[in-house]
Amino acid sequence: MFVATTHAARRRSPLFVLAAAALFAFVAGAPAALAATLTVTITGVHSNTGDVYVALFNGPANFPDGDYALRHVKVKASTAPIVVSFDHLPPGTYAVGCYHDEELLGHFKTNWFGYPLDGYALSNGIRAVVSRPTFAQAAFPVGNPATAIALTVRY
């Protein structure tokens, strides 16, 4: 069936198609726009022996126990800067911790008081002095499209 259109309707048609395409592209790209990347650069590791464990937290529950982290990675220890990226994060508040497992024990070593024996770092430079560090102390915002932080391992 043939439908007659006016000259004005034909002129609006490409504009309508362009607007519809732009709307579709915006909606289709929305999930990607909501995904952020957090890049963590770790320095201060004093030997190439063992592994470095890095944990990402998105809330205070069980912080800073890496077994309960949102995400965690294990990388080879290096005295050169170590760079770890966490991709596809919803923007929000996060905290990061890492430790150097020189002896390849697979866990964070502490003394009988619970004081750390492995080199470690927490975001915002937080250290365990008298009490266990809190998520609120180590928390920082992650936004679109990317956030970068640095951790310095201390022993």
N, C-alpha and C. Protein backbone atom coordinates (compact mmCIF):
# COMPACT_ATOMS: atom_id res chain seq x y z
N MET A 1 0.84 -1.16 0.00
CA MET A 1 0.00 0.00 0.00
C MET A 1 0.89 1.23 0.00
N PHE A 2 0.56 2.18 -0.78
CA PHE A 2 1.31 3.42 -0.92
C PHE A 2 0.63 4.50 -0.09
N VAL A 3 1.41 5.21 0.75
CA VAL A 3 0.87 6.28 1.59
C VAL A 3 1.51 7.58 1.13
N ALA A 4 0.70 8.53 0.84
CA ALA A 4 1.22 9.83 0.40
C ALA A 4 1.65 10.62 1.62
N THR A 5 2.79 11.28 1.53
CA THR A 5 3.27 12.15 2.60
C THR A 5 3.47 13.54 2.05
N THR A 6 3.39 14.48 2.92
CA THR A 6 3.61 15.85 2.49
C THR A 6 5.10 16.13 2.47
N HIS A 7 5.47 17.22 1.85
CA HIS A 7 6.86 17.62 1.76
C HIS A 7 7.43 17.87 3.17
N ALA A 8 6.66 18.50 4.06
CA ALA A 8 7.11 18.79 5.43
C ALA A 8 7.33 17.50 6.21
N ALA A 9 6.47 16.52 6.04
CA ALA A 9 6.63 15.25 6.75
C ALA A 9 7.88 14.53 6.30
N ARG A 10 8.18 14.60 5.00
CA ARG A 10 9.39 13.96 4.49
C ARG A 10 10.64 14.65 5.05
N ARG A 11 10.59 15.97 5.24
CA ARG A 11 11.74 16.68 5.80
C ARG A 11 11.95 16.30 7.26
N ARG A 12 10.91 16.07 8.01
CA ARG A 12 11.04 15.70 9.42
C ARG A 12 11.48 14.26 9.58
N SER A 13 11.21 13.45 8.65
CA SER A 13 11.51 12.03 8.76
C SER A 13 12.98 11.75 9.04
N PRO A 14 13.94 12.31 8.30
CA PRO A 14 15.34 12.04 8.64
C PRO A 14 15.72 12.55 10.02
N LEU A 15 15.15 13.68 10.43
CA LEU A 15 15.43 14.20 11.76
C LEU A 15 14.88 13.26 12.82
N PHE A 16 13.68 12.74 12.58
CA PHE A 16 13.10 11.79 13.51
C PHE A 16 13.98 10.53 13.61
N VAL A 17 14.44 10.04 12.48
CA VAL A 17 15.30 8.85 12.47
C VAL A 17 16.60 9.12 13.21
N LEU A 18 17.18 10.29 13.00
CA LEU A 18 18.41 10.65 13.68
C LEU A 18 18.20 10.74 15.20
N ALA A 19 17.10 11.35 15.61
CA ALA A 19 16.79 11.47 17.03
C ALA A 19 16.56 10.08 17.64
N ALA A 20 15.85 9.24 16.94
CA ALA A 20 15.60 7.88 17.43
C ALA A 20 16.91 7.10 17.55
N ALA A 21 17.80 7.26 16.57
CA ALA A 21 19.09 6.57 16.61
C ALA A 21 19.93 7.07 17.78
N ALA A 22 19.91 8.37 18.03
CA ALA A 22 20.66 8.93 19.15
C ALA A 22 20.12 8.42 20.48
N LEU A 23 18.80 8.36 20.60
CA LEU A 23 18.19 7.85 21.82
C LEU A 23 18.56 6.39 22.04
N PHE A 24 18.50 5.60 20.98
CA PHE A 24 18.87 4.19 21.07
C PHE A 24 20.33 4.04 21.50
N ALA A 25 21.22 4.83 20.90
CA ALA A 25 22.64 4.75 21.24
C ALA A 25 22.87 5.13 22.70
N PHE A 26 22.14 6.14 23.19
CA PHE A 26 22.28 6.55 24.58
C PHE A 26 21.81 5.44 25.52
N VAL A 27 20.65 4.88 25.24
CA VAL A 27 20.10 3.82 26.09
C VAL A 27 20.96 2.56 26.01
N ALA A 28 21.40 2.20 24.82
CA ALA A 28 22.24 1.01 24.67
C ALA A 28 23.59 1.19 25.35
N GLY A 29 24.10 2.42 25.37
CA GLY A 29 25.39 2.68 25.99
C GLY A 29 25.30 2.98 27.46
N ALA A 30 24.11 3.08 28.02
CA ALA A 30 23.94 3.44 29.43
C ALA A 30 24.66 2.49 30.37
N PRO A 31 24.57 1.17 30.21
CA PRO A 31 25.30 0.30 31.13
C PRO A 31 26.80 0.55 31.10
N ALA A 32 27.36 0.80 29.93
CA ALA A 32 28.79 1.07 29.84
C ALA A 32 29.12 2.38 30.53
N ALA A 33 28.23 3.35 30.44
CA ALA A 33 28.47 4.64 31.06
C ALA A 33 28.46 4.53 32.58
N LEU A 34 27.76 3.54 33.12
CA LEU A 34 27.69 3.37 34.56
C LEU A 34 28.83 2.52 35.11
N ALA A 35 29.69 2.00 34.24
CA ALA A 35 30.79 1.16 34.67
C ALA A 35 32.05 2.00 34.80
N ALA A 36 32.71 1.85 35.95
CA ALA A 36 33.95 2.58 36.21
C ALA A 36 35.10 1.60 36.31
N THR A 37 36.30 2.12 36.17
CA THR A 37 37.51 1.35 36.34
C THR A 37 38.32 1.96 37.47
N LEU A 38 38.80 1.12 38.36
CA LEU A 38 39.68 1.55 39.43
C LEU A 38 41.06 0.97 39.15
N THR A 39 42.05 1.83 39.05
CA THR A 39 43.42 1.40 38.83
C THR A 39 44.20 1.65 40.12
N VAL A 40 44.85 0.60 40.61
CA VAL A 40 45.61 0.65 41.86
C VAL A 40 47.08 0.44 41.52
N THR A 41 47.92 1.40 41.89
CA THR A 41 49.36 1.27 41.71
C THR A 41 50.00 1.02 43.07
N ILE A 42 50.73 -0.07 43.18
CA ILE A 42 51.32 -0.49 44.45
C ILE A 42 52.84 -0.34 44.37
N THR A 43 53.40 0.38 45.33
CA THR A 43 54.85 0.53 45.43
C THR A 43 55.29 0.15 46.83
N GLY A 44 56.60 0.07 47.04
CA GLY A 44 57.14 -0.21 48.36
C GLY A 44 57.37 -1.67 48.67
N VAL A 45 57.05 -2.57 47.74
CA VAL A 45 57.30 -4.00 47.96
C VAL A 45 58.82 -4.18 47.98
N HIS A 46 59.37 -4.75 49.04
CA HIS A 46 60.82 -4.76 49.19
C HIS A 46 61.55 -5.95 48.58
N SER A 47 60.81 -6.89 47.97
CA SER A 47 61.49 -7.98 47.28
C SER A 47 60.58 -8.54 46.18
N ASN A 48 61.20 -9.30 45.29
CA ASN A 48 60.44 -9.96 44.22
C ASN A 48 59.97 -11.35 44.63
N THR A 49 60.17 -11.71 45.87
CA THR A 49 59.82 -13.02 46.39
C THR A 49 58.35 -13.05 46.80
N GLY A 50 57.65 -14.11 46.42
CA GLY A 50 56.28 -14.30 46.86
C GLY A 50 55.25 -13.62 45.98
N ASP A 51 54.08 -13.35 46.57
CA ASP A 51 52.95 -12.77 45.86
C ASP A 51 52.43 -11.55 46.62
N VAL A 52 51.70 -10.73 45.90
CA VAL A 52 50.99 -9.61 46.50
C VAL A 52 49.51 -9.85 46.28
N TYR A 53 48.75 -9.84 47.35
CA TYR A 53 47.30 -10.01 47.30
C TYR A 53 46.66 -8.62 47.40
N VAL A 54 45.71 -8.36 46.51
CA VAL A 54 45.02 -7.08 46.49
C VAL A 54 43.52 -7.36 46.60
N ALA A 55 42.86 -6.66 47.52
CA ALA A 55 41.43 -6.88 47.76
C ALA A 55 40.67 -5.56 47.65
N LEU A 56 39.50 -5.63 47.00
CA LEU A 56 38.61 -4.49 46.81
C LEU A 56 37.36 -4.71 47.63
N PHE A 57 36.99 -3.72 48.44
CA PHE A 57 35.81 -3.79 49.30
C PHE A 57 34.82 -2.71 48.91
N ASN A 58 33.53 -3.02 49.01
CA ASN A 58 32.50 -2.01 48.72
C ASN A 58 31.61 -1.73 49.93
N GLY A 59 32.05 -2.17 51.10
CA GLY A 59 31.29 -1.92 52.31
C GLY A 59 32.07 -2.36 53.53
N PRO A 60 31.59 -2.02 54.71
CA PRO A 60 32.34 -2.31 55.94
C PRO A 60 32.30 -3.76 56.41
N ALA A 61 31.39 -4.57 55.86
CA ALA A 61 31.28 -5.95 56.34
C ALA A 61 32.60 -6.69 56.15
N ASN A 62 33.17 -7.13 57.25
CA ASN A 62 34.40 -7.94 57.28
C ASN A 62 35.64 -7.23 56.75
N PHE A 63 35.61 -5.92 56.58
CA PHE A 63 36.80 -5.19 56.16
C PHE A 63 37.82 -5.25 57.29
N PRO A 64 39.08 -5.45 57.06
CA PRO A 64 39.80 -5.63 55.80
C PRO A 64 40.14 -7.08 55.48
N ASP A 65 39.31 -8.03 55.87
CA ASP A 65 39.57 -9.44 55.60
C ASP A 65 39.32 -9.74 54.12
N GLY A 66 40.40 -10.00 53.38
CA GLY A 66 40.33 -10.23 51.94
C GLY A 66 39.47 -11.41 51.52
N ASP A 67 39.23 -12.35 52.44
CA ASP A 67 38.37 -13.49 52.10
C ASP A 67 36.94 -13.04 51.82
N TYR A 68 36.58 -11.86 52.30
CA TYR A 68 35.22 -11.36 52.13
C TYR A 68 35.17 -10.16 51.20
N ALA A 69 36.21 -9.95 50.43
CA ALA A 69 36.28 -8.81 49.52
C ALA A 69 35.31 -8.98 48.35
N LEU A 70 34.91 -7.85 47.79
CA LEU A 70 34.09 -7.86 46.58
C LEU A 70 34.86 -8.54 45.45
N ARG A 71 36.12 -8.17 45.30
CA ARG A 71 37.02 -8.78 44.32
C ARG A 71 38.41 -8.83 44.92
N HIS A 72 39.19 -9.80 44.49
CA HIS A 72 40.58 -9.88 44.92
C HIS A 72 41.41 -10.52 43.82
N VAL A 73 42.68 -10.13 43.80
CA VAL A 73 43.61 -10.68 42.82
C VAL A 73 44.93 -10.99 43.51
N LYS A 74 45.65 -11.92 42.93
CA LYS A 74 46.99 -12.27 43.39
C LYS A 74 47.94 -12.01 42.23
N VAL A 75 49.01 -11.25 42.49
CA VAL A 75 50.00 -10.97 41.46
C VAL A 75 51.38 -11.30 42.01
N LYS A 76 52.31 -11.53 41.10
CA LYS A 76 53.69 -11.81 41.48
C LYS A 76 54.28 -10.57 42.13
N ALA A 77 54.99 -10.76 43.23
CA ALA A 77 55.64 -9.64 43.91
C ALA A 77 56.71 -9.04 43.02
N SER A 78 56.87 -7.72 43.13
CA SER A 78 57.86 -7.01 42.34
C SER A 78 58.26 -5.74 43.07
N THR A 79 59.55 -5.42 43.00
CA THR A 79 60.00 -4.15 43.57
C THR A 79 59.65 -2.99 42.65
N ALA A 80 59.34 -3.29 41.40
CA ALA A 80 58.84 -2.27 40.47
C ALA A 80 57.37 -2.02 40.80
N PRO A 81 56.83 -0.86 40.41
CA PRO A 81 55.39 -0.62 40.67
C PRO A 81 54.52 -1.73 40.08
N ILE A 82 53.54 -2.15 40.85
CA ILE A 82 52.57 -3.16 40.44
C ILE A 82 51.27 -2.42 40.15
N VAL A 83 50.67 -2.68 38.98
CA VAL A 83 49.43 -2.02 38.62
C VAL A 83 48.34 -3.07 38.47
N VAL A 84 47.24 -2.86 39.19
CA VAL A 84 46.09 -3.76 39.15
C VAL A 84 44.87 -2.92 38.81
N SER A 85 44.02 -3.42 37.91
CA SER A 85 42.78 -2.71 37.55
C SER A 85 41.57 -3.55 37.90
N PHE A 86 40.57 -2.88 38.43
CA PHE A 86 39.27 -3.48 38.68
C PHE A 86 38.30 -2.79 37.74
N ASP A 87 37.79 -3.54 36.77
CA ASP A 87 36.91 -2.98 35.73
C ASP A 87 35.45 -3.25 36.04
N HIS A 88 34.58 -2.51 35.35
CA HIS A 88 33.13 -2.70 35.40
C HIS A 88 32.56 -2.54 36.81
N LEU A 89 33.03 -1.51 37.51
CA LEU A 89 32.51 -1.23 38.86
C LEU A 89 31.40 -0.20 38.78
N PRO A 90 30.32 -0.40 39.50
CA PRO A 90 29.35 0.68 39.59
C PRO A 90 29.97 1.82 40.41
N PRO A 91 29.74 3.06 40.02
CA PRO A 91 30.27 4.15 40.83
C PRO A 91 29.79 4.02 42.27
N GLY A 92 30.67 4.32 43.20
CA GLY A 92 30.32 4.20 44.61
C GLY A 92 31.51 4.42 45.50
N THR A 93 31.41 3.93 46.72
CA THR A 93 32.47 4.07 47.71
C THR A 93 33.15 2.73 47.90
N TYR A 94 34.47 2.75 47.82
CA TYR A 94 35.26 1.53 47.90
C TYR A 94 36.46 1.73 48.82
N ALA A 95 37.10 0.63 49.20
CA ALA A 95 38.37 0.64 49.93
C ALA A 95 39.21 -0.49 49.35
N VAL A 96 40.53 -0.32 49.40
CA VAL A 96 41.44 -1.32 48.86
C VAL A 96 42.51 -1.63 49.89
N GLY A 97 42.90 -2.89 49.94
CA GLY A 97 44.01 -3.31 50.79
C GLY A 97 44.88 -4.30 50.05
N CYS A 98 46.15 -4.35 50.42
CA CYS A 98 47.04 -5.35 49.83
C CYS A 98 48.05 -5.79 50.87
N TYR A 99 48.63 -6.96 50.66
CA TYR A 99 49.73 -7.40 51.51
C TYR A 99 50.69 -8.23 50.70
N HIS A 100 51.95 -8.25 51.17
CA HIS A 100 53.02 -8.99 50.50
C HIS A 100 53.23 -10.30 51.23
N ASP A 101 52.89 -11.39 50.56
CA ASP A 101 53.03 -12.74 51.11
C ASP A 101 54.37 -13.31 50.62
N GLU A 102 55.45 -12.91 51.27
CA GLU A 102 56.79 -13.34 50.85
C GLU A 102 57.00 -14.84 51.02
N GLU A 103 56.41 -15.43 52.02
CA GLU A 103 56.63 -16.83 52.33
C GLU A 103 55.66 -17.77 51.62
N LEU A 104 54.81 -17.22 50.76
CA LEU A 104 53.82 -18.00 50.00
C LEU A 104 52.93 -18.85 50.92
N LEU A 105 52.51 -18.25 52.03
CA LEU A 105 51.62 -18.94 52.97
C LEU A 105 50.17 -18.92 52.51
N GLY A 106 49.82 -17.94 51.67
CA GLY A 106 48.45 -17.83 51.19
C GLY A 106 47.51 -17.12 52.14
N HIS A 107 48.06 -16.53 53.19
CA HIS A 107 47.25 -15.76 54.13
C HIS A 107 48.10 -14.67 54.76
N PHE A 108 47.42 -13.70 55.33
CA PHE A 108 48.06 -12.56 55.98
C PHE A 108 48.58 -12.99 57.34
N LYS A 109 49.85 -12.77 57.56
CA LYS A 109 50.50 -13.22 58.79
C LYS A 109 50.44 -12.13 59.86
N THR A 110 50.00 -12.53 61.08
CA THR A 110 49.95 -11.62 62.22
C THR A 110 50.59 -12.30 63.44
N ASN A 111 50.95 -11.49 64.45
CA ASN A 111 51.45 -12.07 65.69
C ASN A 111 50.26 -12.46 66.57
N TRP A 112 50.53 -12.93 67.78
CA TRP A 112 49.44 -13.41 68.62
C TRP A 112 48.55 -12.30 69.14
N PHE A 113 48.98 -11.03 69.01
CA PHE A 113 48.12 -9.89 69.33
C PHE A 113 47.25 -9.49 68.14
N GLY A 114 47.55 -10.07 66.97
CA GLY A 114 46.84 -9.70 65.76
C GLY A 114 47.51 -8.58 64.97
N TYR A 115 48.71 -8.18 65.42
CA TYR A 115 49.43 -7.12 64.72
C TYR A 115 50.10 -7.69 63.46
N PRO A 116 50.00 -6.99 62.33
CA PRO A 116 50.53 -7.50 61.06
C PRO A 116 52.03 -7.78 61.07
N LEU A 117 52.41 -8.91 60.49
CA LEU A 117 53.82 -9.26 60.33
C LEU A 117 54.25 -9.17 58.87
N ASP A 118 53.28 -9.17 57.94
CA ASP A 118 53.57 -9.00 56.51
C ASP A 118 53.50 -7.51 56.17
N GLY A 119 54.24 -7.13 55.13
CA GLY A 119 54.10 -5.77 54.63
C GLY A 119 52.71 -5.60 54.03
N TYR A 120 52.09 -4.46 54.29
CA TYR A 120 50.73 -4.25 53.80
C TYR A 120 50.48 -2.77 53.56
N ALA A 121 49.37 -2.50 52.88
CA ALA A 121 48.92 -1.12 52.64
C ALA A 121 47.41 -1.12 52.54
N LEU A 122 46.80 -0.02 53.00
CA LEU A 122 45.37 0.20 52.86
C LEU A 122 45.16 1.55 52.20
N SER A 123 44.06 1.69 51.49
CA SER A 123 43.77 2.97 50.86
C SER A 123 43.71 4.08 51.91
N ASN A 124 44.02 5.27 51.48
CA ASN A 124 44.12 6.46 52.33
C ASN A 124 45.29 6.38 53.31
N GLY A 125 46.20 5.42 53.11
CA GLY A 125 47.38 5.31 53.97
C GLY A 125 47.08 4.86 55.39
N ILE A 126 45.93 4.28 55.61
CA ILE A 126 45.52 3.84 56.96
C ILE A 126 46.44 2.72 57.44
N ARG A 127 46.83 2.79 58.71
CA ARG A 127 47.66 1.75 59.33
C ARG A 127 46.98 1.25 60.60
N ALA A 128 47.21 -0.02 60.91
CA ALA A 128 46.73 -0.59 62.18
C ALA A 128 47.69 -0.14 63.27
N VAL A 129 47.22 0.69 64.18
CA VAL A 129 48.09 1.16 65.26
C VAL A 129 47.61 0.54 66.57
N VAL A 130 46.45 0.96 67.03
CA VAL A 130 45.92 0.43 68.28
C VAL A 130 44.74 -0.51 68.00
N SER A 131 43.97 -0.18 66.96
CA SER A 131 42.80 -1.00 66.65
C SER A 131 42.76 -1.33 65.16
N ARG A 132 41.88 -2.23 64.83
CA ARG A 132 41.70 -2.66 63.45
C ARG A 132 41.19 -1.48 62.61
N PRO A 133 41.78 -1.24 61.42
CA PRO A 133 41.30 -0.15 60.57
C PRO A 133 39.85 -0.38 60.14
N THR A 134 39.13 0.71 59.91
CA THR A 134 37.73 0.60 59.50
C THR A 134 37.57 0.94 58.02
N PHE A 135 36.49 0.46 57.45
CA PHE A 135 36.17 0.78 56.06
C PHE A 135 36.03 2.28 55.88
N ALA A 136 35.39 2.95 56.82
CA ALA A 136 35.18 4.40 56.72
C ALA A 136 36.52 5.14 56.63
N GLN A 137 37.53 4.69 57.34
CA GLN A 137 38.84 5.33 57.30
C GLN A 137 39.52 5.15 55.94
N ALA A 138 39.32 4.01 55.31
CA ALA A 138 40.00 3.68 54.06
C ALA A 138 39.17 3.98 52.82
N ALA A 139 37.92 4.38 52.99
CA ALA A 139 36.98 4.54 51.87
C ALA A 139 37.31 5.76 51.00
N PHE A 140 37.00 5.63 49.72
CA PHE A 140 37.17 6.71 48.74
C PHE A 140 36.14 6.51 47.64
N PRO A 141 35.79 7.60 46.94
CA PRO A 141 34.79 7.48 45.87
C PRO A 141 35.40 6.98 44.56
N VAL A 142 34.65 6.17 43.85
CA VAL A 142 35.01 5.74 42.50
C VAL A 142 33.90 6.23 41.59
N GLY A 143 34.28 7.00 40.58
CA GLY A 143 33.29 7.57 39.67
C GLY A 143 33.57 7.19 38.24
N ASN A 144 32.80 7.78 37.36
CA ASN A 144 32.95 7.50 35.92
C ASN A 144 34.01 8.39 35.34
N PRO A 145 34.74 7.99 34.36
CA PRO A 145 34.89 6.60 33.91
C PRO A 145 36.00 5.87 34.64
N ALA A 146 36.91 6.61 35.31
CA ALA A 146 38.04 5.93 35.92
C ALA A 146 38.53 6.68 37.15
N THR A 147 39.08 5.90 38.08
CA THR A 147 39.69 6.43 39.29
C THR A 147 41.02 5.71 39.47
N ALA A 148 42.04 6.44 39.93
CA ALA A 148 43.34 5.84 40.18
C ALA A 148 43.76 6.17 41.61
N ILE A 149 44.31 5.17 42.30
CA ILE A 149 44.85 5.40 43.63
C ILE A 149 46.22 4.74 43.71
N ALA A 150 46.97 5.12 44.73
CA ALA A 150 48.30 4.53 44.97
C ALA A 150 48.35 3.98 46.38
N LEU A 151 48.96 2.81 46.51
CA LEU A 151 49.20 2.20 47.81
C LEU A 151 50.70 2.03 47.98
N THR A 152 51.21 2.32 49.17
CA THR A 152 52.62 2.10 49.48
C THR A 152 52.71 1.07 50.58
N VAL A 153 53.28 -0.07 50.25
CA VAL A 153 53.43 -1.17 51.22
C VAL A 153 54.50 -0.77 52.23
N ARG A 154 54.15 -0.96 53.50
CA ARG A 154 55.11 -0.74 54.57
C ARG A 154 55.22 -2.00 55.42
N TYR A 155 56.40 -2.21 55.95
CA TYR A 155 56.68 -3.42 56.70
C TYR A 155 56.86 -3.10 58.17
